[in-house]
Amino acid sequence: MPSPKKLQRLILLMGIGSLLVALIVLLKDKEPRYKGKPYSHWVELFANPSHAEAEAAIRAVGTNGLACLVKWIEYEPSAPDIKLQKAVNKALGYSNWVENRIKRKSNLRDGAIHAFRVLGGEARAAIPLLREMAATSHTPYPAGACLALIGEPAIPAFVTVATNRIVGYRGSLLSAAQLFGTNIWRIVPALIQCRTETNTQPAIQMVLSIMQQRYQSQFMPALLSNLHSPDASLRLAAEITLKELSTNAIVSLQACLSNEDPQIRKAAQESLEKIQRRD
């Protein structure tokens, strides 16, 4: 039989637990629902991004779930969570209740990030909040990942944060850049601008390596077409990217010599000639 002191702790913890359950029920009632279940249920399942029914739920709820997703990606195990786990362990011996609670929140965060991949550009309304989170958080990767998964509409916001000198943990942010996929070339000038900071160098090298190994054949035509873009910032980004890739881009440039677009063929030829002159 537990001592009176342990019994008091148990009663206190049960009371706290009841309040938490009531709060969770109230919050879930404000969530969108799909097939009678709260949105958080489906997003938590989507920590496994191959979960087809969870993906269907994300698509069905659409942008109505944005406020929830932005809130959930902020989760990191906090000091109160850890203290609560220690208190439960002390009062009752080892219990995995709090450990499972932390795991569920982590799954909710991961599922929320994957949800931005499903929503893509439809989630552009979340860009200002995500930009602010990426700029101020000690763990900017989740917000940066969501910006990258939104895609092209989020490029200016990502670049703004990446080149802001007061942002800490920039390497963590830049490691999310790979999620831009074939749009990744658009942020190369921002990566180069940050290169002098030693803590970002590994992330920059990783992103450039991914570009060269995985996306060259896909993004090179788009990059070349922007060498003649009426937008000066796009022209500059394309020129800087080609210069950065240098000889590593030769194979992809040669492939573009047979592109059906004559402007791309011309740009590829000019770029090859510039590389040869530098050599």
C-alpha atoms as a PDB file:
ATOM      1  CA  MET A   1       0.000   0.000   0.000  1.00  0.00           C
ATOM      2  CA  PRO A   2       1.453   3.417  -0.926  1.00  0.00           C
ATOM      3  CA  SER A   3       2.443   5.795   1.873  1.00  0.00           C
ATOM      4  CA  PRO A   4       0.162   8.811   2.610  1.00  0.00           C
ATOM      5  CA  LYS A   5       2.667  11.117   0.909  1.00  0.00           C
ATOM      6  CA  LYS A   6       2.726   9.006  -2.270  1.00  0.00           C
ATOM      7  CA  LEU A   7      -1.059   8.776  -2.169  1.00  0.00           C
ATOM      8  CA  GLN A   8      -1.335  12.580  -2.013  1.00  0.00           C
ATOM      9  CA  ARG A   9       0.991  12.864  -5.003  1.00  0.00           C
ATOM     10  CA  LEU A  10      -1.065  10.298  -6.888  1.00  0.00           C
ATOM     11  CA  ILE A  11      -4.316  12.179  -6.205  1.00  0.00           C
ATOM     12  CA  LEU A  12      -2.681  15.466  -7.268  1.00  0.00           C
ATOM     13  CA  LEU A  13      -1.366  13.944 -10.489  1.00  0.00           C
ATOM     14  CA  MET A  14      -4.744  12.362 -11.252  1.00  0.00           C
ATOM     15  CA  GLY A  15      -6.377  15.775 -10.785  1.00  0.00           C
ATOM     16  CA  ILE A  16      -3.859  17.396 -13.112  1.00  0.00           C
ATOM     17  CA  GLY A  17      -4.397  14.576 -15.599  1.00  0.00           C
ATOM     18  CA  SER A  18      -8.172  15.091 -15.534  1.00  0.00           C
ATOM     19  CA  LEU A  19      -7.748  18.802 -16.205  1.00  0.00           C
ATOM     20  CA  LEU A  20      -5.388  18.058 -19.108  1.00  0.00           C
ATOM     21  CA  VAL A  21      -7.856  15.587 -20.611  1.00  0.00           C
ATOM     22  CA  ALA A  22     -10.662  18.153 -20.341  1.00  0.00           C
ATOM     23  CA  LEU A  23      -8.468  20.809 -21.976  1.00  0.00           C
ATOM     24  CA  ILE A  24      -7.505  18.450 -24.792  1.00  0.00           C
ATOM     25  CA  VAL A  25     -11.176  17.632 -25.444  1.00  0.00           C
ATOM     26  CA  LEU A  26     -12.054  21.340 -25.574  1.00  0.00           C
ATOM     27  CA  LEU A  27      -9.191  22.084 -27.961  1.00  0.00           C
ATOM     28  CA  LYS A  28     -10.002  19.134 -30.196  1.00  0.00           C
ATOM     29  CA  ASP A  29     -13.576  20.327 -30.497  1.00  0.00           C
ATOM     30  CA  LYS A  30     -12.212  23.450 -32.223  1.00  0.00           C
ATOM     31  CA  GLU A  31     -10.261  21.381 -34.751  1.00  0.00           C
ATOM     32  CA  PRO A  32     -11.578  20.447 -38.188  1.00  0.00           C
ATOM     33  CA  ARG A  33     -12.873  16.893 -38.330  1.00  0.00           C
ATOM     34  CA  TYR A  34     -12.706  14.151 -40.940  1.00  0.00           C
ATOM     35  CA  LYS A  35     -14.828  10.999 -40.797  1.00  0.00           C
ATOM     36  CA  GLY A  36     -15.886  11.958 -37.280  1.00  0.00           C
ATOM     37  CA  LYS A  37     -12.319  12.170 -35.918  1.00  0.00           C
ATOM     38  CA  PRO A  38     -10.377  15.340 -35.010  1.00  0.00           C
ATOM     39  CA  TYR A  39      -7.763  16.674 -37.389  1.00  0.00           C
ATOM     40  CA  SER A  40      -4.966  15.969 -34.875  1.00  0.00           C
ATOM     41  CA  HIS A  41      -5.758  12.236 -35.083  1.00  0.00           C
ATOM     42  CA  TRP A  42      -5.051  12.211 -38.825  1.00  0.00           C
ATOM     43  CA  VAL A  43      -2.039  14.539 -38.656  1.00  0.00           C
ATOM     44  CA  GLU A  44      -0.466  12.379 -35.959  1.00  0.00           C
ATOM     45  CA  LEU A  45      -0.925   9.327 -38.191  1.00  0.00           C
ATOM     46  CA  PHE A  46       0.684  11.277 -41.034  1.00  0.00           C
ATOM     47  CA  ALA A  47       4.005  11.173 -39.173  1.00  0.00           C
ATOM     48  CA  ASN A  48       4.158   8.151 -41.474  1.00  0.00           C
ATOM     49  CA  PRO A  49       3.818  10.019 -44.815  1.00  0.00           C
ATOM     50  CA  SER A  50       2.753   6.864 -46.649  1.00  0.00           C
ATOM     51  CA  HIS A  51      -0.465   6.623 -44.601  1.00  0.00           C
ATOM     52  CA  ALA A  52      -3.018   6.954 -47.419  1.00  0.00           C
ATOM     53  CA  GLU A  53      -6.109   7.655 -45.302  1.00  0.00           C
ATOM     54  CA  ALA A  54      -4.287  10.339 -43.312  1.00  0.00           C
ATOM     55  CA  GLU A  55      -3.203  11.982 -46.568  1.00  0.00           C
ATOM     56  CA  ALA A  56      -6.810  11.904 -47.764  1.00  0.00           C
ATOM     57  CA  ALA A  57      -7.815  13.660 -44.539  1.00  0.00           C
ATOM     58  CA  ILE A  58      -5.139  16.348 -45.043  1.00  0.00           C
ATOM     59  CA  ARG A  59      -6.398  16.972 -48.588  1.00  0.00           C
ATOM     60  CA  ALA A  60     -10.046  17.038 -47.494  1.00  0.00           C
ATOM     61  CA  VAL A  61      -9.462  19.538 -44.680  1.00  0.00           C
ATOM     62  CA  GLY A  62      -7.144  21.610 -46.890  1.00  0.00           C
ATOM     63  CA  THR A  63      -6.296  25.129 -45.769  1.00  0.00           C
ATOM     64  CA  ASN A  64      -8.931  24.996 -43.011  1.00  0.00           C
ATOM     65  CA  GLY A  65      -6.309  23.175 -40.953  1.00  0.00           C
ATOM     66  CA  LEU A  66      -3.464  25.678 -41.466  1.00  0.00           C
ATOM     67  CA  ALA A  67      -3.773  27.323 -38.044  1.00  0.00           C
ATOM     68  CA  CYS A  68      -3.481  23.910 -36.378  1.00  0.00           C
ATOM     69  CA  LEU A  69      -0.513  22.837 -38.513  1.00  0.00           C
ATOM     70  CA  VAL A  70       1.447  26.010 -37.771  1.00  0.00           C
ATOM     71  CA  LYS A  71       0.816  25.542 -34.041  1.00  0.00           C
ATOM     72  CA  TRP A  72       1.838  21.883 -34.057  1.00  0.00           C
ATOM     73  CA  ILE A  73       5.157  22.256 -35.893  1.00  0.00           C
ATOM     74  CA  GLU A  74       6.473  24.362 -32.985  1.00  0.00           C
ATOM     75  CA  TYR A  75       6.551  21.437 -30.562  1.00  0.00           C
ATOM     76  CA  GLU A  76       9.805  20.514 -28.862  1.00  0.00           C
ATOM     77  CA  PRO A  77       9.964  18.498 -25.605  1.00  0.00           C
ATOM     78  CA  SER A  78       9.842  21.213 -22.970  1.00  0.00           C
ATOM     79  CA  ALA A  79      11.194  21.509 -19.440  1.00  0.00           C
ATOM     80  CA  PRO A  80       7.654  21.126 -17.966  1.00  0.00           C
ATOM     81  CA  ASP A  81       7.162  17.899 -19.959  1.00  0.00           C
ATOM     82  CA  ILE A  82      10.432  16.497 -18.611  1.00  0.00           C
ATOM     83  CA  LYS A  83       9.637  17.637 -15.045  1.00  0.00           C
ATOM     84  CA  LEU A  84       6.198  16.027 -15.256  1.00  0.00           C
ATOM     85  CA  GLN A  85       7.740  12.753 -16.379  1.00  0.00           C
ATOM     86  CA  LYS A  86      10.167  12.857 -13.435  1.00  0.00           C
ATOM     87  CA  ALA A  87       7.303  13.613 -11.018  1.00  0.00           C
ATOM     88  CA  VAL A  88       5.240  10.686 -12.320  1.00  0.00           C
ATOM     89  CA  ASN A  89       8.244   8.378 -12.104  1.00  0.00           C
ATOM     90  CA  LYS A  90       8.956   9.502  -8.532  1.00  0.00           C
ATOM     91  CA  ALA A  91       5.366   9.119  -7.354  1.00  0.00           C
ATOM     92  CA  LEU A  92       4.479   5.844  -9.049  1.00  0.00           C
ATOM     93  CA  GLY A  93       7.719   4.305 -10.166  1.00  0.00           C
ATOM     94  CA  TYR A  94       8.469   4.150 -13.878  1.00  0.00           C
ATOM     95  CA  SER A  95       5.535   5.104 -16.058  1.00  0.00           C
ATOM     96  CA  ASN A  96       5.557   5.597 -19.830  1.00  0.00           C
ATOM     97  CA  TRP A  97       2.453   7.849 -19.808  1.00  0.00           C
ATOM     98  CA  VAL A  98       4.411  11.096 -20.172  1.00  0.00           C
ATOM     99  CA  GLU A  99       6.908   9.449 -22.521  1.00  0.00           C
ATOM    100  CA  ASN A 100       4.022   8.422 -24.794  1.00  0.00           C
ATOM    101  CA  ARG A 101       2.557  11.922 -24.516  1.00  0.00           C
ATOM    102  CA  ILE A 102       5.850  13.416 -25.695  1.00  0.00           C
ATOM    103  CA  LYS A 103       6.012  10.874 -28.533  1.00  0.00           C
ATOM    104  CA  ARG A 104       2.464  11.759 -29.638  1.00  0.00           C
ATOM    105  CA  LYS A 105       3.346  15.453 -29.744  1.00  0.00           C
ATOM    106  CA  SER A 106       6.487  14.693 -31.741  1.00  0.00           C
ATOM    107  CA  ASN A 107       4.417  12.640 -34.198  1.00  0.00           C
ATOM    108  CA  LEU A 108       1.962  15.529 -34.454  1.00  0.00           C
ATOM    109  CA  ARG A 109       4.817  17.902 -35.310  1.00  0.00           C
ATOM    110  CA  ASP A 110       6.259  15.536 -37.932  1.00  0.00           C
ATOM    111  CA  GLY A 111       2.834  14.888 -39.432  1.00  0.00           C
ATOM    112  CA  ALA A 112       2.171  18.633 -39.632  1.00  0.00           C
ATOM    113  CA  ILE A 113       5.418  19.152 -41.571  1.00  0.00           C
ATOM    114  CA  HIS A 114       4.481  16.357 -43.999  1.00  0.00           C
ATOM    115  CA  ALA A 115       1.061  17.974 -44.405  1.00  0.00           C
ATOM    116  CA  PHE A 116       2.697  21.055 -45.956  1.00  0.00           C
ATOM    117  CA  ARG A 117       4.096  18.790 -48.672  1.00  0.00           C
ATOM    118  CA  VAL A 118       0.536  17.726 -49.502  1.00  0.00           C
ATOM    119  CA  LEU A 119      -0.847  21.283 -49.460  1.00  0.00           C
ATOM    120  CA  GLY A 120       2.086  22.859 -51.333  1.00  0.00           C
ATOM    121  CA  GLY A 121       1.338  26.317 -52.709  1.00  0.00           C
ATOM    122  CA  GLU A 122      -2.214  26.198 -51.306  1.00  0.00           C
ATOM    123  CA  ALA A 123      -0.646  26.819 -47.881  1.00  0.00           C
ATOM    124  CA  ARG A 124       0.856  30.184 -48.910  1.00  0.00           C
ATOM    125  CA  ALA A 125      -1.309  32.015 -46.344  1.00  0.00           C
ATOM    126  CA  ALA A 126       0.948  30.506 -43.643  1.00  0.00           C
ATOM    127  CA  ILE A 127       4.145  32.008 -45.109  1.00  0.00           C
ATOM    128  CA  PRO A 128       4.299  35.169 -42.897  1.00  0.00           C
ATOM    129  CA  LEU A 129       3.903  33.128 -39.693  1.00  0.00           C
ATOM    130  CA  LEU A 130       6.405  30.491 -40.832  1.00  0.00           C
ATOM    131  CA  ARG A 131       8.911  33.203 -41.778  1.00  0.00           C
ATOM    132  CA  GLU A 132       8.600  34.729 -38.304  1.00  0.00           C
ATOM    133  CA  MET A 133       9.007  31.312 -36.652  1.00  0.00           C
ATOM    134  CA  ALA A 134      12.067  30.461 -38.750  1.00  0.00           C
ATOM    135  CA  ALA A 135      13.633  33.817 -37.866  1.00  0.00           C
ATOM    136  CA  THR A 136      13.075  33.634 -34.110  1.00  0.00           C
ATOM    137  CA  SER A 137      13.053  29.957 -33.111  1.00  0.00           C
ATOM    138  CA  HIS A 138      16.009  28.135 -31.575  1.00  0.00           C
ATOM    139  CA  THR A 139      14.966  25.215 -33.796  1.00  0.00           C
ATOM    140  CA  PRO A 140      14.221  26.836 -37.183  1.00  0.00           C
ATOM    141  CA  TYR A 141      14.257  23.604 -39.199  1.00  0.00           C
ATOM    142  CA  PRO A 142      10.492  22.783 -38.899  1.00  0.00           C
ATOM    143  CA  ALA A 143       9.377  26.238 -40.088  1.00  0.00           C
ATOM    144  CA  GLY A 144      12.080  26.259 -42.791  1.00  0.00           C
ATOM    145  CA  ALA A 145      10.995  22.805 -43.952  1.00  0.00           C
ATOM    146  CA  CYS A 146       7.376  23.949 -44.227  1.00  0.00           C
ATOM    147  CA  LEU A 147       8.419  27.005 -46.270  1.00  0.00           C
ATOM    148  CA  ALA A 148      10.411  24.766 -48.600  1.00  0.00           C
ATOM    149  CA  LEU A 149       7.493  22.343 -48.976  1.00  0.00           C
ATOM    150  CA  ILE A 150       5.152  25.210 -49.884  1.00  0.00           C
ATOM    151  CA  GLY A 151       7.551  25.745 -52.786  1.00  0.00           C
ATOM    152  CA  GLU A 152       8.039  28.690 -55.117  1.00  0.00           C
ATOM    153  CA  PRO A 153       5.727  31.177 -53.310  1.00  0.00           C
ATOM    154  CA  ALA A 154       7.845  30.772 -50.143  1.00  0.00           C
ATOM    155  CA  ILE A 155      11.258  31.340 -51.752  1.00  0.00           C
ATOM    156  CA  PRO A 156      11.477  35.100 -50.921  1.00  0.00           C
ATOM    157  CA  ALA A 157      10.570  34.429 -47.266  1.00  0.00           C
ATOM    158  CA  PHE A 158      13.130  31.622 -46.967  1.00  0.00           C
ATOM    159  CA  VAL A 159      15.864  33.746 -48.546  1.00  0.00           C
ATOM    160  CA  THR A 160      15.018  36.700 -46.269  1.00  0.00           C
ATOM    161  CA  VAL A 161      15.473  34.561 -43.168  1.00  0.00           C
ATOM    162  CA  ALA A 162      18.545  32.738 -44.483  1.00  0.00           C
ATOM    163  CA  THR A 163      20.405  35.997 -45.146  1.00  0.00           C
ATOM    164  CA  ASN A 164      19.371  37.730 -41.910  1.00  0.00           C
ATOM    165  CA  ARG A 165      22.563  38.014 -39.878  1.00  0.00           C
ATOM    166  CA  ILE A 166      20.781  37.999 -36.514  1.00  0.00           C
ATOM    167  CA  VAL A 167      19.245  34.571 -37.083  1.00  0.00           C
ATOM    168  CA  GLY A 168      20.894  31.883 -34.987  1.00  0.00           C
ATOM    169  CA  TYR A 169      21.219  28.254 -35.975  1.00  0.00           C
ATOM    170  CA  ARG A 170      21.259  29.159 -39.680  1.00  0.00           C
ATOM    171  CA  GLY A 171      22.823  25.807 -40.540  1.00  0.00           C
ATOM    172  CA  SER A 172      19.704  24.066 -39.218  1.00  0.00           C
ATOM    173  CA  LEU A 173      17.520  26.327 -41.357  1.00  0.00           C
ATOM    174  CA  LEU A 174      19.596  25.828 -44.502  1.00  0.00           C
ATOM    175  CA  SER A 175      19.488  22.052 -44.126  1.00  0.00           C
ATOM    176  CA  ALA A 176      15.770  22.372 -44.943  1.00  0.00           C
ATOM    177  CA  ALA A 177      16.589  23.952 -48.316  1.00  0.00           C
ATOM    178  CA  GLN A 178      16.859  20.557 -50.008  1.00  0.00           C
ATOM    179  CA  LEU A 179      13.070  20.235 -49.646  1.00  0.00           C
ATOM    180  CA  PHE A 180      12.611  22.917 -52.317  1.00  0.00           C
ATOM    181  CA  GLY A 181      13.305  20.150 -54.835  1.00  0.00           C
ATOM    182  CA  THR A 182      13.905  21.500 -58.323  1.00  0.00           C
ATOM    183  CA  ASN A 183      13.298  25.058 -57.084  1.00  0.00           C
ATOM    184  CA  ILE A 184      16.457  24.782 -55.001  1.00  0.00           C
ATOM    185  CA  TRP A 185      18.593  26.709 -57.513  1.00  0.00           C
ATOM    186  CA  ARG A 186      16.615  29.857 -56.682  1.00  0.00           C
ATOM    187  CA  ILE A 187      18.162  30.058 -53.208  1.00  0.00           C
ATOM    188  CA  VAL A 188      21.785  29.446 -54.220  1.00  0.00           C
ATOM    189  CA  PRO A 189      22.745  33.159 -54.029  1.00  0.00           C
ATOM    190  CA  ALA A 190      21.460  33.218 -50.442  1.00  0.00           C
ATOM    191  CA  LEU A 191      23.507  30.115 -49.635  1.00  0.00           C
ATOM    192  CA  ILE A 192      26.641  31.667 -51.095  1.00  0.00           C
ATOM    193  CA  GLN A 193      26.059  34.857 -49.131  1.00  0.00           C
ATOM    194  CA  CYS A 194      26.099  32.807 -45.905  1.00  0.00           C
ATOM    195  CA  ARG A 195      29.127  30.729 -46.858  1.00  0.00           C
ATOM    196  CA  THR A 196      31.659  32.701 -44.809  1.00  0.00           C
ATOM    197  CA  GLU A 197      29.954  31.546 -41.606  1.00  0.00           C
ATOM    198  CA  THR A 198      31.638  28.309 -40.602  1.00  0.00           C
ATOM    199  CA  ASN A 199      28.543  26.905 -38.880  1.00  0.00           C
ATOM    200  CA  THR A 200      26.616  26.974 -42.156  1.00  0.00           C
ATOM    201  CA  GLN A 201      29.276  25.489 -44.430  1.00  0.00           C
ATOM    202  CA  PRO A 202      28.277  21.799 -43.971  1.00  0.00           C
ATOM    203  CA  ALA A 203      24.621  22.582 -44.730  1.00  0.00           C
ATOM    204  CA  ILE A 204      25.568  24.631 -47.805  1.00  0.00           C
ATOM    205  CA  GLN A 205      27.796  21.877 -49.160  1.00  0.00           C
ATOM    206  CA  MET A 206      25.036  19.319 -48.572  1.00  0.00           C
ATOM    207  CA  VAL A 207      22.486  21.419 -50.489  1.00  0.00           C
ATOM    208  CA  LEU A 208      24.842  22.071 -53.422  1.00  0.00           C
ATOM    209  CA  SER A 209      25.755  18.389 -53.534  1.00  0.00           C
ATOM    210  CA  ILE A 210      22.077  17.419 -53.680  1.00  0.00           C
ATOM    211  CA  MET A 211      21.583  19.891 -56.523  1.00  0.00           C
ATOM    212  CA  GLN A 212      24.435  18.452 -58.509  1.00  0.00           C
ATOM    213  CA  GLN A 213      23.616  14.792 -57.937  1.00  0.00           C
ATOM    214  CA  ARG A 214      19.836  14.741 -57.960  1.00  0.00           C
ATOM    215  CA  TYR A 215      18.313  17.739 -59.689  1.00  0.00           C
ATOM    216  CA  GLN A 216      20.644  18.994 -62.415  1.00  0.00           C
ATOM    217  CA  SER A 217      18.820  17.413 -65.328  1.00  0.00           C
ATOM    218  CA  GLN A 218      15.494  18.690 -63.984  1.00  0.00           C
ATOM    219  CA  PHE A 219      16.311  22.246 -62.962  1.00  0.00           C
ATOM    220  CA  MET A 220      18.900  23.126 -65.600  1.00  0.00           C
ATOM    221  CA  PRO A 221      16.382  24.066 -68.364  1.00  0.00           C
ATOM    222  CA  ALA A 222      14.504  26.329 -65.919  1.00  0.00           C
ATOM    223  CA  LEU A 223      17.755  27.854 -64.751  1.00  0.00           C
ATOM    224  CA  LEU A 224      18.900  28.550 -68.326  1.00  0.00           C
ATOM    225  CA  SER A 225      15.570  30.063 -69.335  1.00  0.00           C
ATOM    226  CA  ASN A 226      15.905  32.545 -66.465  1.00  0.00           C
ATOM    227  CA  LEU A 227      19.223  33.859 -67.786  1.00  0.00           C
ATOM    228  CA  HIS A 228      17.020  36.028 -70.049  1.00  0.00           C
ATOM    229  CA  SER A 229      14.235  36.676 -67.543  1.00  0.00           C
ATOM    230  CA  PRO A 230      12.817  40.233 -67.438  1.00  0.00           C
ATOM    231  CA  ASP A 231      13.188  39.933 -63.644  1.00  0.00           C
ATOM    232  CA  ALA A 232      16.716  41.118 -62.819  1.00  0.00           C
ATOM    233  CA  SER A 233      16.826  39.169 -59.536  1.00  0.00           C
ATOM    234  CA  LEU A 234      16.056  35.914 -61.370  1.00  0.00           C
ATOM    235  CA  ARG A 235      18.720  36.642 -63.993  1.00  0.00           C
ATOM    236  CA  LEU A 236      21.291  37.283 -61.266  1.00  0.00           C
ATOM    237  CA  ALA A 237      20.292  34.146 -59.356  1.00  0.00           C
ATOM    238  CA  ALA A 238      20.645  32.039 -62.508  1.00  0.00           C
ATOM    239  CA  GLU A 239      24.071  33.537 -63.338  1.00  0.00           C
ATOM    240  CA  ILE A 240      25.397  33.014 -59.814  1.00  0.00           C
ATOM    241  CA  THR A 241      24.104  29.451 -59.711  1.00  0.00           C
ATOM    242  CA  LEU A 242      25.753  28.525 -63.002  1.00  0.00           C
ATOM    243  CA  LYS A 243      29.022  30.036 -61.862  1.00  0.00           C
ATOM    244  CA  GLU A 244      28.805  28.119 -58.577  1.00  0.00           C
ATOM    245  CA  LEU A 245      28.130  24.796 -60.289  1.00  0.00           C
ATOM    246  CA  SER A 246      30.840  25.511 -62.867  1.00  0.00           C
ATOM    247  CA  THR A 247      32.341  22.352 -64.386  1.00  0.00           C
ATOM    248  CA  ASN A 248      29.929  20.147 -62.426  1.00  0.00           C
ATOM    249  CA  ALA A 249      27.154  21.491 -64.665  1.00  0.00           C
ATOM    250  CA  ILE A 250      28.763  20.563 -67.982  1.00  0.00           C
ATOM    251  CA  VAL A 251      26.925  17.259 -68.472  1.00  0.00           C
ATOM    252  CA  SER A 252      23.532  18.883 -67.836  1.00  0.00           C
ATOM    253  CA  LEU A 253      24.382  21.848 -70.061  1.00  0.00           C
ATOM    254  CA  GLN A 254      25.368  19.530 -72.880  1.00  0.00           C
ATOM    255  CA  ALA A 255      22.052  17.706 -72.498  1.00  0.00           C
ATOM    256  CA  CYS A 256      20.257  21.058 -72.865  1.00  0.00           C
ATOM    257  CA  LEU A 257      21.871  21.597 -76.290  1.00  0.00           C
ATOM    258  CA  SER A 258      19.142  19.352 -77.698  1.00  0.00           C
ATOM    259  CA  ASN A 259      16.271  20.958 -75.755  1.00  0.00           C
ATOM    260  CA  GLU A 260      13.205  21.763 -77.874  1.00  0.00           C
ATOM    261  CA  ASP A 261      13.295  25.411 -76.722  1.00  0.00           C
ATOM    262  CA  PRO A 262      15.772  27.391 -78.893  1.00  0.00           C
ATOM    263  CA  GLN A 263      16.347  29.929 -76.104  1.00  0.00           C
ATOM    264  CA  ILE A 264      17.430  27.165 -73.738  1.00  0.00           C
ATOM    265  CA  ARG A 265      19.717  25.675 -76.405  1.00  0.00           C
ATOM    266  CA  LYS A 266      21.285  29.096 -76.969  1.00  0.00           C
ATOM    267  CA  ALA A 267      21.762  29.750 -73.242  1.00  0.00           C
ATOM    268  CA  ALA A 268      23.325  26.297 -72.764  1.00  0.00           C
ATOM    269  CA  GLN A 269      25.799  26.940 -75.587  1.00  0.00           C
ATOM    270  CA  GLU A 270      26.744  30.352 -74.178  1.00  0.00           C
ATOM    271  CA  SER A 271      27.197  28.917 -70.680  1.00  0.00           C
ATOM    272  CA  LEU A 272      29.414  26.098 -71.964  1.00  0.00           C
ATOM    273  CA  GLU A 273      31.564  28.624 -73.811  1.00  0.00           C
ATOM    274  CA  LYS A 274      31.949  30.741 -70.646  1.00  0.00           C
ATOM    275  CA  ILE A 275      33.029  27.686 -68.635  1.00  0.00           C
ATOM    276  CA  GLN A 276      35.554  26.725 -71.317  1.00  0.00           C
ATOM    277  CA  ARG A 277      36.982  30.278 -71.338  1.00  0.00           C
ATOM    278  CA  ARG A 278      37.392  30.159 -67.526  1.00  0.00           C
ATOM    279  CA  ASP A 279      39.216  26.836 -67.837  1.00  0.00           C
END
